[in-house]
N, C-alpha and C. Protein backbone atom coordinates (compact mmCIF):
# COMPACT_ATOMS: atom_id res chain seq x y z
N MET A 1 69.10 116.13 137.41
CA MET A 1 68.33 117.08 136.59
C MET A 1 68.84 118.51 136.80
N ASN A 2 69.03 118.84 138.08
CA ASN A 2 69.50 120.19 138.40
C ASN A 2 70.85 120.49 137.76
N ASN A 3 71.70 119.47 137.74
CA ASN A 3 73.04 119.64 137.18
C ASN A 3 72.98 119.95 135.69
N THR A 4 72.07 119.30 134.99
CA THR A 4 71.93 119.54 133.54
C THR A 4 71.53 120.99 133.27
N ILE A 5 70.59 121.47 134.05
CA ILE A 5 70.15 122.86 133.89
C ILE A 5 71.32 123.80 134.15
N ARG A 6 72.06 123.52 135.19
CA ARG A 6 73.19 124.39 135.53
C ARG A 6 74.23 124.39 134.41
N GLN A 7 74.49 123.21 133.83
CA GLN A 7 75.46 123.13 132.73
C GLN A 7 74.98 123.93 131.52
N ALA A 8 73.70 123.79 131.22
CA ALA A 8 73.15 124.51 130.07
C ALA A 8 73.27 126.02 130.28
N THR A 9 72.96 126.47 131.48
CA THR A 9 73.05 127.91 131.78
C THR A 9 74.49 128.38 131.67
N THR A 10 75.41 127.60 132.19
CA THR A 10 76.83 127.96 132.12
C THR A 10 77.28 128.06 130.67
N HIS A 11 76.84 127.09 129.86
CA HIS A 11 77.21 127.10 128.45
C HIS A 11 76.67 128.36 127.76
N GLN A 12 75.43 128.69 128.06
CA GLN A 12 74.81 129.86 127.45
C GLN A 12 75.58 131.12 127.83
N THR A 13 75.93 131.22 129.11
CA THR A 13 76.68 132.39 129.57
C THR A 13 78.04 132.46 128.87
N GLU A 14 78.71 131.32 128.75
CA GLU A 14 80.00 131.31 128.06
C GLU A 14 79.85 131.75 126.61
N MET A 15 78.79 131.29 125.95
CA MET A 15 78.54 131.69 124.57
C MET A 15 78.36 133.20 124.47
N GLN A 16 77.58 133.75 125.41
CA GLN A 16 77.31 135.18 125.38
C GLN A 16 78.60 135.98 125.59
N ILE A 17 79.43 135.52 126.50
CA ILE A 17 80.70 136.20 126.75
C ILE A 17 81.59 136.12 125.51
N LEU A 18 81.65 134.92 124.91
CA LEU A 18 82.45 134.73 123.71
C LEU A 18 82.00 135.65 122.59
N ILE A 19 80.70 135.68 122.35
CA ILE A 19 80.14 136.53 121.29
C ILE A 19 80.42 137.99 121.60
N HIS A 20 80.22 138.38 122.85
CA HIS A 20 80.45 139.77 123.25
C HIS A 20 81.90 140.17 123.00
N ASN A 21 82.82 139.30 123.39
CA ASN A 21 84.24 139.58 123.18
C ASN A 21 84.57 139.68 121.70
N ARG A 22 84.00 138.80 120.90
CA ARG A 22 84.28 138.84 119.45
C ARG A 22 83.71 140.12 118.85
N LEU A 23 82.54 140.52 119.32
CA LEU A 23 81.95 141.75 118.78
C LEU A 23 82.80 142.96 119.14
N ILE A 24 83.33 142.97 120.35
CA ILE A 24 84.23 144.08 120.74
C ILE A 24 85.44 144.09 119.81
N PHE A 25 85.97 142.90 119.53
CA PHE A 25 87.12 142.80 118.63
C PHE A 25 86.78 143.32 117.24
N PHE A 26 85.63 142.90 116.71
CA PHE A 26 85.26 143.35 115.38
C PHE A 26 84.93 144.83 115.38
N LYS A 27 84.35 145.29 116.47
CA LYS A 27 84.00 146.70 116.57
C LYS A 27 85.27 147.54 116.51
N SER A 28 86.32 147.10 117.20
CA SER A 28 87.54 147.88 117.20
C SER A 28 88.31 147.72 115.88
N ARG A 29 88.18 146.54 115.27
CA ARG A 29 88.94 146.30 114.04
C ARG A 29 88.29 146.97 112.85
N PHE A 30 86.97 146.83 112.75
CA PHE A 30 86.25 147.43 111.62
C PHE A 30 85.45 148.61 112.13
N PHE A 31 86.13 149.64 112.60
CA PHE A 31 85.41 150.74 113.23
C PHE A 31 84.57 151.53 112.23
N LEU A 32 84.72 151.23 110.93
CA LEU A 32 83.89 151.92 109.95
C LEU A 32 82.48 151.35 109.87
N ILE A 33 82.31 150.14 110.41
CA ILE A 33 80.95 149.58 110.46
C ILE A 33 80.11 150.49 111.35
N CYS A 34 78.97 150.89 110.84
CA CYS A 34 78.20 151.86 111.60
C CYS A 34 77.59 151.24 112.84
N GLN A 35 77.31 152.08 113.81
CA GLN A 35 76.89 151.64 115.13
C GLN A 35 75.61 150.81 115.09
N CYS A 36 74.67 151.16 114.21
CA CYS A 36 73.41 150.43 114.20
C CYS A 36 73.61 148.99 113.73
N GLN A 37 74.60 148.76 112.88
CA GLN A 37 74.88 147.39 112.43
C GLN A 37 75.36 146.54 113.61
N ILE A 38 76.27 147.11 114.39
CA ILE A 38 76.76 146.41 115.58
C ILE A 38 75.60 146.15 116.55
N SER A 39 74.74 147.15 116.73
CA SER A 39 73.61 146.99 117.64
C SER A 39 72.68 145.88 117.19
N GLN A 40 72.45 145.80 115.88
CA GLN A 40 71.60 144.74 115.36
C GLN A 40 72.20 143.37 115.68
N LEU A 41 73.51 143.26 115.53
CA LEU A 41 74.15 141.99 115.82
C LEU A 41 73.97 141.60 117.27
N ILE A 42 74.09 142.58 118.16
CA ILE A 42 74.01 142.27 119.58
C ILE A 42 72.57 142.00 120.01
N PHE A 43 71.65 142.86 119.57
CA PHE A 43 70.32 142.82 120.17
C PHE A 43 69.29 142.04 119.37
N HIS A 44 69.53 141.79 118.09
CA HIS A 44 68.49 141.15 117.28
C HIS A 44 68.90 139.76 116.83
N ASP A 45 69.78 139.12 117.56
CA ASP A 45 70.21 137.79 117.14
C ASP A 45 70.21 136.84 118.33
N PRO A 46 69.04 136.34 118.70
CA PRO A 46 68.95 135.45 119.87
C PRO A 46 69.50 134.05 119.60
N THR A 47 69.84 133.74 118.35
CA THR A 47 70.21 132.36 118.01
C THR A 47 71.72 132.12 118.04
N HIS A 48 72.47 133.03 118.64
CA HIS A 48 73.92 132.86 118.79
C HIS A 48 74.66 132.79 117.46
N LYS A 49 74.14 133.45 116.43
CA LYS A 49 74.86 133.47 115.17
C LYS A 49 75.73 134.72 115.07
N SER A 50 75.69 135.54 116.09
CA SER A 50 76.33 136.86 116.02
C SER A 50 77.80 136.77 115.63
N ALA A 51 78.51 135.84 116.26
CA ALA A 51 79.95 135.78 116.03
C ALA A 51 80.27 135.48 114.57
N THR A 52 79.50 134.58 113.95
CA THR A 52 79.78 134.26 112.55
C THR A 52 79.30 135.39 111.64
N GLN A 53 78.21 136.03 111.99
CA GLN A 53 77.73 137.15 111.18
C GLN A 53 78.74 138.29 111.21
N ALA A 54 79.32 138.51 112.36
CA ALA A 54 80.24 139.63 112.49
C ALA A 54 81.44 139.47 111.57
N THR A 55 81.83 138.21 111.29
CA THR A 55 82.98 138.00 110.42
C THR A 55 82.65 138.36 108.98
N SER A 56 81.37 138.37 108.64
CA SER A 56 81.01 138.54 107.23
C SER A 56 80.62 139.97 106.88
N ILE A 57 80.83 140.93 107.77
CA ILE A 57 80.44 142.30 107.44
C ILE A 57 81.58 143.29 107.59
N PRO A 58 82.76 143.04 107.02
CA PRO A 58 83.81 144.05 107.09
C PRO A 58 83.55 145.24 106.17
N GLN A 59 82.67 145.07 105.20
CA GLN A 59 82.39 146.16 104.27
C GLN A 59 81.49 147.21 104.92
N PRO A 60 81.64 148.48 104.56
CA PRO A 60 80.82 149.53 105.15
C PRO A 60 79.35 149.38 104.78
N HIS A 61 78.50 149.80 105.69
CA HIS A 61 77.06 149.73 105.47
C HIS A 61 76.46 151.13 105.48
N ASN A 62 75.40 151.28 104.73
CA ASN A 62 74.67 152.54 104.80
C ASN A 62 73.73 152.51 105.99
N CYS A 63 73.90 153.48 106.86
CA CYS A 63 73.08 153.53 108.05
C CYS A 63 72.11 154.68 107.93
N LYS A 64 70.88 154.38 107.61
CA LYS A 64 69.89 155.45 107.55
C LYS A 64 68.99 155.33 108.78
N ARG A 65 68.97 156.38 109.57
CA ARG A 65 68.12 156.34 110.75
C ARG A 65 66.65 156.39 110.35
N LYS A 66 65.86 155.55 111.01
CA LYS A 66 64.43 155.58 110.75
C LYS A 66 63.80 156.76 111.48
N PRO A 67 62.79 157.38 110.89
CA PRO A 67 62.07 158.44 111.61
C PRO A 67 61.47 157.89 112.90
N LEU A 68 61.44 158.70 113.92
CA LEU A 68 60.97 158.25 115.24
C LEU A 68 59.50 157.85 115.23
N ASN A 69 58.73 158.41 114.32
CA ASN A 69 57.29 158.15 114.36
C ASN A 69 56.89 156.86 113.63
N GLN A 70 57.86 156.09 113.17
CA GLN A 70 57.52 154.83 112.49
C GLN A 70 57.38 153.69 113.46
């Protein structure tokens, strides 16, 4: 049982590293993508879809900052 948990944790960590590395790659390649878009990919995607989403947003995005009081 313990071994299964350890394998799952290792897999999750590997996924996170892989996604992080891909995001760094996309960040450097498509540096016109605004920072908030990259942040959304990293912080608002718990389902590990980040790497595939990152491939689909080479086009520039409008980044409008939300007012702080919202």
